[in-house]
């Protein structure tokens, strides 16, 4: 009895490759969305903190927002860990990711420290 499984082997490899590609595309979409959300939050916070303060009401609002940012610091770290893990997996399996996204990911901690 002789079984020829070469075509089955090639089909399974092709299917695994297609699944890997689709999974990587979906994972990249999730990671990019999460990273963009975090950066948008930080940019909004930076904008509020860097506005010119003229009235006492603006001083109060700025200080309240700064306090909120300080309180969210630990939460931000917890939200960044899964994002960093997703990008690590994408890099590990050699998925093409724009350099700007990696730069943004690496600079997010410095951006956060600059605001707070």
Protein backbone atom coordinates (compact mmCIF):
# COMPACT_ATOMS: atom_id res chain seq x y z
CA UNK A 1 0.00 0.00 0.00
CA UNK A 2 1.53 3.30 -1.10
CA UNK A 3 -0.05 6.62 -0.23
CA UNK A 4 0.93 9.71 -2.14
CA UNK A 5 0.34 12.65 0.13
CA UNK A 6 2.46 15.25 -1.63
CA UNK A 7 -0.55 17.18 -2.95
CA UNK A 8 -2.18 17.07 0.48
CA UNK A 9 1.03 18.40 2.01
CA UNK A 10 1.15 21.32 -0.44
CA UNK A 11 -2.52 22.10 0.09
CA UNK A 12 -2.08 22.18 3.87
CA UNK A 13 0.94 24.46 3.57
CA UNK A 14 -0.98 26.81 1.29
CA UNK A 15 -3.97 26.85 3.64
CA UNK A 16 -1.74 27.51 6.66
CA UNK A 17 -0.04 30.36 4.79
CA UNK A 18 -3.39 31.90 3.84
CA UNK A 19 -4.62 31.61 7.43
CA UNK A 20 -1.42 33.19 8.76
CA UNK A 21 -1.77 36.08 6.33
CA UNK A 22 -5.40 36.70 7.22
CA UNK A 23 -4.68 36.45 10.96
CA UNK A 24 -1.75 38.87 10.66
CA UNK A 25 -3.90 41.34 8.75
CA UNK A 26 -6.61 41.19 11.42
CA UNK A 27 -4.06 41.45 14.27
CA UNK A 28 -2.43 44.45 12.61
CA UNK A 29 -5.81 46.15 12.27
CA UNK A 30 -6.53 45.64 15.98
CA UNK A 31 -3.08 46.83 17.02
CA UNK A 32 -3.21 49.92 14.79
CA UNK A 33 -6.68 50.89 16.03
CA UNK A 34 -5.63 50.51 19.67
CA UNK A 35 -2.42 52.47 19.10
CA UNK A 36 -4.25 55.24 17.25
CA UNK A 37 -6.80 55.49 20.08
CA UNK A 38 -4.06 55.84 22.69
CA UNK A 39 -2.19 58.43 20.64
CA UNK A 40 -5.39 60.42 20.03
CA UNK A 41 -6.07 60.46 23.78
CA UNK A 42 -2.52 61.62 24.50
CA UNK A 43 -2.62 64.30 21.80
CA UNK A 44 -5.94 65.60 23.16
CA UNK A 45 -4.48 65.70 26.66
CA UNK A 46 -1.37 67.44 25.44
CA UNK A 47 -3.49 70.03 23.63
CA UNK A 48 -5.54 70.77 26.75
CA UNK A 49 -2.46 71.05 28.96
CA UNK A 50 -0.59 73.27 26.49
CA UNK A 51 -3.38 75.79 25.94
CA UNK A 52 -2.89 79.30 27.22
CA UNK A 53 -4.60 79.76 30.55
CA UNK A 54 -6.18 83.16 31.08
CA UNK A 55 -9.05 82.74 33.51
CA UNK A 56 -9.33 80.93 36.81
CA UNK A 57 -11.86 78.57 35.23
CA UNK A 58 -9.28 77.55 32.62
CA UNK A 59 -6.72 76.99 35.40
CA UNK A 60 -9.19 74.75 37.21
CA UNK A 61 -10.02 72.78 34.07
CA UNK A 62 -6.35 72.32 33.19
CA UNK A 63 -5.49 71.12 36.70
CA UNK A 64 -8.44 68.72 36.70
CA UNK A 65 -7.36 67.29 33.38
CA UNK A 66 -3.77 66.95 34.58
CA UNK A 67 -4.99 65.10 37.67
CA UNK A 68 -7.07 62.79 35.45
CA UNK A 69 -4.01 62.05 33.32
CA UNK A 70 -1.93 61.26 36.39
CA UNK A 71 -4.64 58.90 37.64
CA UNK A 72 -4.74 57.12 34.27
CA UNK A 73 -1.00 56.50 34.17
CA UNK A 74 -1.20 52.94 35.52
CA UNK A 75 -4.21 52.24 33.30
CA UNK A 76 -2.28 53.43 30.25
CA UNK A 77 0.56 51.03 31.01
CA UNK A 78 -1.94 48.18 31.27
CA UNK A 79 -3.48 49.17 27.93
CA UNK A 80 -0.10 49.44 26.21
CA UNK A 81 1.08 45.95 27.15
CA UNK A 82 -1.37 44.16 24.79
CA UNK A 83 -0.61 46.64 22.00
CA UNK A 84 3.12 46.07 22.39
CA UNK A 85 2.53 42.30 22.45
CA UNK A 86 0.56 42.47 19.20
CA UNK A 87 3.31 44.42 17.48
CA UNK A 88 5.91 42.01 18.90
CA UNK A 89 4.03 39.08 17.33
CA UNK A 90 3.74 40.89 14.03
CA UNK A 91 7.47 41.61 14.02
CA UNK A 92 8.32 38.06 15.11
CA UNK A 93 6.46 36.58 12.15
CA UNK A 94 7.92 39.16 9.77
CA UNK A 95 4.71 40.96 8.89
CA UNK A 96 5.34 44.24 7.09
CA UNK A 97 4.44 47.14 9.33
CA UNK A 98 5.03 50.80 8.43
CA UNK A 99 8.02 52.31 10.23
CA UNK A 100 5.83 55.17 11.45
CA UNK A 101 3.78 52.77 13.57
CA UNK A 102 6.89 51.35 15.25
CA UNK A 103 8.18 54.88 15.85
CA UNK A 104 4.83 55.87 17.33
CA UNK A 105 4.80 52.79 19.57
CA UNK A 106 8.32 53.43 20.80
CA UNK A 107 7.66 57.12 21.46
CA UNK A 108 4.33 56.73 23.26
CA UNK A 109 5.97 56.39 26.69
CA UNK A 110 8.05 59.54 26.14
CA UNK A 111 4.94 61.37 24.94
CA UNK A 112 3.14 60.31 28.10
CA UNK A 113 5.98 61.40 30.36
CA UNK A 114 6.18 64.73 28.54
CA UNK A 115 2.51 65.42 29.24
CA UNK A 116 2.47 64.41 32.87
